[in-house]
Protein backbone atom coordinates (compact mmCIF):
# COMPACT_ATOMS: atom_id res chain seq x y z
CA MET A 1 120.15 130.76 93.21
CA LYS A 2 121.36 127.29 94.20
CA ARG A 3 120.64 126.35 97.80
CA THR A 4 124.32 125.66 98.59
CA THR A 5 125.27 129.15 97.42
CA LYS A 6 122.36 130.66 99.30
CA THR A 7 123.32 128.75 102.44
CA LEU A 8 126.88 130.05 102.29
CA ILE A 9 125.72 133.63 101.75
CA TYR A 10 123.28 133.44 104.67
CA SER A 11 125.88 131.86 106.91
CA LEU A 12 128.33 134.65 106.13
CA CYS A 13 125.55 137.18 106.71
CA PHE A 14 124.87 135.56 110.08
CA ILE A 15 128.51 136.01 111.05
CA SER A 16 128.15 139.67 110.09
CA ILE A 17 124.99 139.94 112.19
CA LEU A 18 126.85 138.56 115.17
CA GLY A 19 129.30 141.42 114.86
CA THR A 20 126.59 143.99 114.24
CA PHE A 21 124.85 143.19 117.50
CA SER A 22 128.11 143.01 119.46
CA LEU A 23 127.70 139.35 120.21
CA GLN A 24 131.01 138.99 121.97
CA LYS A 25 132.38 135.78 123.46
CA ARG A 26 131.89 135.72 127.19
CA ASN A 27 134.98 135.74 129.39
CA ASP A 28 134.77 132.33 131.06
CA SER A 29 137.53 133.25 133.49
CA LYS A 30 134.89 135.15 135.46
CA LEU A 31 132.90 132.00 136.06
CA LYS A 32 133.25 129.86 139.13
CA THR A 33 135.15 126.62 138.64
CA GLY A 34 132.53 124.35 140.15
CA PRO A 35 129.74 123.91 142.69
CA ASN A 36 130.75 125.03 146.17
CA ASN A 37 128.56 127.49 148.11
CA GLN A 38 125.21 125.69 148.24
CA SER A 39 123.36 128.69 149.69
CA GLU A 40 123.72 130.43 146.33
CA SER A 41 122.99 129.22 142.83
CA GLN A 42 126.06 128.01 140.98
CA PHE A 43 127.19 129.11 137.52
CA PHE A 44 130.37 127.63 136.09
CA VAL A 45 132.04 125.94 133.15
CA ASP A 46 132.61 122.19 133.22
CA THR A 47 134.61 120.02 130.80
CA ILE A 48 133.56 116.73 129.27
CA TYR A 49 135.70 114.50 127.08
CA SER A 50 133.80 113.17 124.09
CA ASN A 51 134.73 109.75 122.76
CA LYS A 52 132.49 110.49 119.79
CA LEU A 53 134.23 113.75 118.86
CA LYS A 54 137.67 112.70 120.20
CA GLN A 55 138.08 116.00 122.01
CA GLU A 56 137.06 117.93 125.11
CA ARG A 57 133.98 120.12 125.08
CA LEU A 58 132.83 122.74 127.55
CA LEU A 59 129.50 122.90 129.34
CA THR A 60 128.06 126.01 130.96
CA VAL A 61 126.18 124.80 134.02
CA TYR A 62 123.59 126.44 136.25
CA LEU A 63 122.66 124.73 139.52
CA PRO A 64 119.90 126.11 141.77
CA LYS A 65 120.39 127.21 145.35
CA ASN A 66 120.82 124.36 147.82
CA PHE A 67 121.53 121.93 145.00
CA ASP A 68 121.25 118.39 146.34
CA LYS A 69 122.45 115.36 144.37
CA LYS A 70 119.94 113.23 146.24
CA LYS A 71 117.18 115.04 144.35
CA THR A 72 116.34 114.75 140.66
CA TYR A 73 115.92 118.01 138.74
CA PRO A 74 114.16 119.04 135.54
CA VAL A 75 116.77 120.12 133.02
CA VAL A 76 117.26 122.52 130.15
CA TYR A 77 119.74 121.39 127.48
CA ALA A 78 120.92 124.28 125.33
CA THR A 79 123.13 124.69 122.29
CA ASP A 80 125.79 127.44 122.16
CA GLY A 81 126.44 127.29 125.88
CA GLN A 82 129.17 129.91 125.51
CA ILE A 83 126.58 132.66 124.97
CA ILE A 84 124.81 132.00 128.29
CA SER A 85 125.48 135.06 130.44
CA ASP A 86 124.96 136.12 134.04
CA ALA A 87 121.61 137.57 132.99
CA TYR A 88 120.26 134.02 132.66
CA VAL A 89 121.39 133.25 136.20
CA LYS A 90 119.61 136.27 137.65
CA ALA A 91 116.45 135.45 135.72
CA LEU A 92 116.46 131.77 136.71
CA ASP A 93 117.10 132.67 140.36
CA SER A 94 114.18 135.08 140.27
CA LEU A 95 111.78 132.61 138.65
CA ILE A 96 112.67 129.92 141.18
CA ASP A 97 112.51 132.28 144.17
CA LYS A 98 109.07 133.45 143.09
CA LYS A 99 108.03 129.80 142.60
CA MET A 100 107.13 130.48 138.99
CA ILE A 101 109.21 127.46 138.00
CA PRO A 102 110.62 124.57 140.07
CA GLU A 103 114.31 124.25 140.83
CA ILE A 104 115.99 123.30 137.57
CA VAL A 105 119.45 122.59 136.17
CA PHE A 106 120.65 124.29 132.99
CA ILE A 107 123.28 122.62 130.78
CA GLY A 108 124.61 124.77 127.93
CA VAL A 109 126.73 122.74 125.51
CA HIS A 110 129.40 124.91 123.89
CA SER A 111 129.62 124.83 120.11
CA ASN A 112 132.79 124.44 118.07
CA GLU A 113 133.61 127.96 116.90
CA ASN A 114 136.92 127.00 115.31
CA TRP A 115 137.23 128.41 111.83
CA ILE A 116 137.57 126.33 108.66
CA PRO A 117 139.70 128.62 106.41
CA SER A 118 138.89 126.77 103.19
CA MET A 119 135.13 127.03 103.87
CA LYS A 120 135.14 130.45 105.55
CA MET A 121 132.77 128.95 108.11
CA GLU A 122 132.92 127.50 111.61
CA TYR A 123 132.71 123.80 112.47
CA ARG A 124 129.62 124.81 114.44
CA TYR A 125 127.59 125.04 111.24
CA PHE A 126 128.33 121.47 110.16
CA GLU A 127 127.63 120.11 113.65
CA TYR A 128 124.25 121.82 113.84
CA VAL A 129 123.01 121.52 110.23
CA LYS A 130 122.96 118.22 108.34
CA GLN A 131 124.93 118.68 105.13
CA GLN A 132 126.54 116.59 102.41
CA VAL A 133 129.85 118.30 101.71
CA GLN A 134 131.52 117.42 98.45
CA ASN A 135 134.97 115.81 98.85
CA SER A 136 134.77 115.93 102.66
CA ASP A 137 133.48 112.85 104.45
CA SER A 138 134.59 114.27 107.79
CA LEU A 139 132.40 117.37 107.43
CA SER A 140 129.52 115.36 105.99
CA SER A 141 129.56 113.07 109.04
CA ARG A 142 130.06 115.91 111.51
CA PHE A 143 126.36 116.36 112.22
CA ASN A 144 125.77 112.69 113.09
CA THR A 145 128.87 112.54 115.29
CA HIS A 146 127.85 115.67 117.20
CA PHE A 147 124.28 114.38 117.44
CA ASP A 148 125.50 111.20 119.15
CA PHE A 149 127.73 113.25 121.45
CA PHE A 150 124.79 115.43 122.49
CA VAL A 151 122.15 112.77 123.12
CA ASP A 152 124.41 110.03 124.46
CA GLU A 153 127.42 111.55 126.19
CA VAL A 154 126.03 114.88 127.37
CA PHE A 155 122.78 113.37 128.61
CA ASP A 156 124.54 110.53 130.41
CA TYR A 157 127.16 112.81 131.98
CA SER A 158 124.54 115.32 133.12
CA GLN A 159 122.39 112.64 134.73
CA LYS A 160 125.33 111.17 136.62
CA THR A 161 127.01 114.45 137.58
CA TYR A 162 124.13 116.88 138.11
CA SER A 163 121.26 114.58 139.01
CA VAL A 164 119.04 115.71 136.14
CA SER A 165 115.93 113.84 135.10
CA ASN A 166 115.86 111.28 132.29
CA LEU A 167 112.11 111.75 131.81
CA ARG A 168 110.97 113.24 128.51
CA GLU A 169 108.49 115.59 130.18
CA GLU A 170 111.20 117.00 132.46
CA ARG A 171 113.63 117.80 129.65
CA ILE A 172 113.58 121.10 127.76
CA PHE A 173 115.68 122.08 124.73
CA TYR A 174 116.68 125.68 124.03
CA GLY A 175 118.48 126.81 120.90
CA SER A 176 118.78 129.80 118.59
CA SER A 177 119.74 130.24 114.94
CA ASN A 178 121.64 127.13 113.75
CA GLY A 179 121.42 125.91 117.35
CA ALA A 180 117.63 125.90 116.91
CA ASP A 181 118.08 124.03 113.62
CA PHE A 182 119.89 121.32 115.56
CA GLY A 183 117.02 121.19 118.04
CA LEU A 184 114.51 120.75 115.23
CA SER A 185 116.54 117.83 113.82
CA LEU A 186 116.73 116.34 117.32
CA ALA A 187 112.94 116.54 117.65
CA ILE A 188 112.54 114.86 114.26
CA GLU A 189 115.01 112.02 114.78
CA ARG A 190 114.36 111.40 118.50
CA PRO A 191 110.93 112.74 119.49
CA ASP A 192 111.02 110.43 122.50
CA LEU A 193 113.86 112.28 124.25
CA ILE A 194 112.68 115.83 125.04
CA GLY A 195 109.24 117.12 125.92
CA SER A 196 109.51 120.84 125.07
CA TYR A 197 111.52 122.76 122.48
CA ILE A 198 112.22 126.49 122.60
CA LEU A 199 113.37 127.35 119.07
CA CYS A 200 114.46 130.90 118.32
CA SER A 201 115.18 132.13 114.78
CA LEU A 202 115.42 128.85 112.89
CA PHE A 203 118.14 129.78 110.42
CA GLN A 204 118.30 126.90 107.95
CA GLY A 205 115.33 124.84 109.02
CA THR A 206 115.60 121.25 107.82
CA LYS A 207 115.09 119.21 104.66
CA ASP A 208 113.72 116.29 106.66
CA LEU A 209 110.00 115.55 106.81
CA TYR A 210 108.25 116.24 110.08
CA PRO A 211 107.15 112.92 111.65
CA TRP A 212 104.90 114.01 114.53
CA ASN A 213 101.23 113.62 115.22
CA ASP A 214 99.07 114.69 118.13
CA LYS A 215 100.11 111.57 120.07
CA ASN A 216 103.93 111.73 119.87
CA SER A 217 104.78 115.36 119.26
CA PRO A 218 106.92 117.39 121.65
CA ASN A 219 105.70 120.84 122.66
CA PHE A 220 107.04 123.61 120.42
CA TYR A 221 107.64 127.26 121.31
CA ILE A 222 108.78 129.08 118.18
CA TYR A 223 110.16 132.62 117.88
CA TYR A 224 111.49 134.90 115.17
CA GLY A 225 111.95 138.62 114.61
CA ASP A 226 110.02 140.81 112.22
CA LEU A 227 113.31 142.18 110.82
CA GLU A 228 114.95 138.82 110.12
CA PHE A 229 115.76 137.23 106.75
CA ASP A 230 112.71 136.01 104.87
CA ASP A 231 113.97 132.42 105.10
CA VAL A 232 114.07 132.63 108.91
CA LYS A 233 110.45 133.74 108.93
CA LEU A 234 109.53 131.04 106.40
CA ASN A 235 111.17 128.27 108.45
CA ALA A 236 109.06 129.19 111.48
CA GLN A 237 105.91 129.55 109.41
CA ASN A 238 106.41 126.18 107.67
CA LEU A 239 106.76 124.47 111.02
CA GLU A 240 103.62 126.26 112.22
CA LYS A 241 101.67 125.09 109.14
CA TYR A 242 102.56 121.46 109.80
CA LEU A 243 101.70 121.63 113.48
CA LYS A 244 98.41 123.32 112.74
CA TYR A 245 97.57 120.75 110.03
CA GLN A 246 98.28 117.88 112.43
CA ASN A 247 96.26 119.58 115.18
CA ILE A 248 99.33 119.72 117.42
CA PRO A 249 99.30 122.51 120.04
CA TYR A 250 102.15 124.99 119.71
CA TYR A 251 103.12 128.57 120.53
CA LEU A 252 104.54 130.94 117.92
CA LYS A 253 105.56 134.57 118.34
CA CYS A 254 107.02 137.15 115.99
CA TYR A 255 108.85 139.66 118.18
CA GLU A 256 109.96 143.15 117.22
CA GLY A 257 113.60 142.91 116.24
CA ASP A 258 116.23 140.93 114.40
CA HIS A 259 118.64 138.04 115.02
CA GLU A 260 119.38 139.19 118.58
CA ARG A 261 120.61 137.34 121.62
CA LYS A 262 118.81 139.61 124.07
CA LYS A 263 115.51 138.87 122.34
CA TRP A 264 116.17 135.12 122.53
CA GLU A 265 117.09 135.40 126.19
CA ASN A 266 113.88 137.31 126.98
CA GLU A 267 111.69 134.81 125.15
CA PHE A 268 113.43 131.86 126.79
CA ILE A 269 112.81 133.20 130.30
CA LYS A 270 109.15 133.92 129.58
CA THR A 271 108.68 130.52 127.98
CA LEU A 272 109.98 128.62 130.99
CA SER A 273 107.10 130.00 133.05
CA MET A 274 104.67 128.98 130.31
CA ILE A 275 106.04 125.44 130.15
CA PHE A 276 105.92 124.78 133.87
CA ASN A 277 102.55 126.47 134.28
CA LYS A 278 101.24 124.11 131.60
CA THR A 279 102.74 120.97 133.15
CA SER A 280 101.46 121.85 136.63
CA LYS A 281 97.84 121.90 135.51
């Protein structure tokens, strides 16, 4: 089977999986409109205009209790910010209150879920996975444009607005499925930007060669389910083989389950404690 055909089939299957596991869009009207009560953590949706994309994009933002712009905070940058639920807030509050992690800021960048009728796919796919699309320069360039938006505009806006760190070791990436694919490409093209990557259920992987060695590699935390597509398992295992060959420390876990948001959420929360426990030593 040609890879392009296989990619389309898997992408359509992924859409089906989303429905199977009741992965509903969150009702953003329930979120607060911005930081106000500093005695409680803040959870709200912000808007950023992208000169790269020529459109507005939404950010789901978590700020810790007693947020203070005079401080500088470690930050988690996540793809698919629209799937970040109140459960993340409760978990982050608990980890911080128990001093298992420091006070952090979470920035979830919403993906473009608008449908392309002719492709029967969302723009999200072409922004997260590098593709050459026949007879469509706009879709072929979509990945690079979104990449620039993410690393230039989102990073800059977050540092100015939410006082997040610009240090590699204080930046964490979190993504799942095609959102994890985007993270893997980010780690390949700009290994200098982010210190730790939490990658759940790499869906397409990447065609690019891995460039890291034991001197410049980010830290990788890799997850997939035992019931997922074989290609999802293979993507994680191929990354593991390279890291092991290069003698690069990593963490890999095969959890019991499928392509499930709750599983990703659980692994993300546990991994934060691992990351900060490691950096504190």
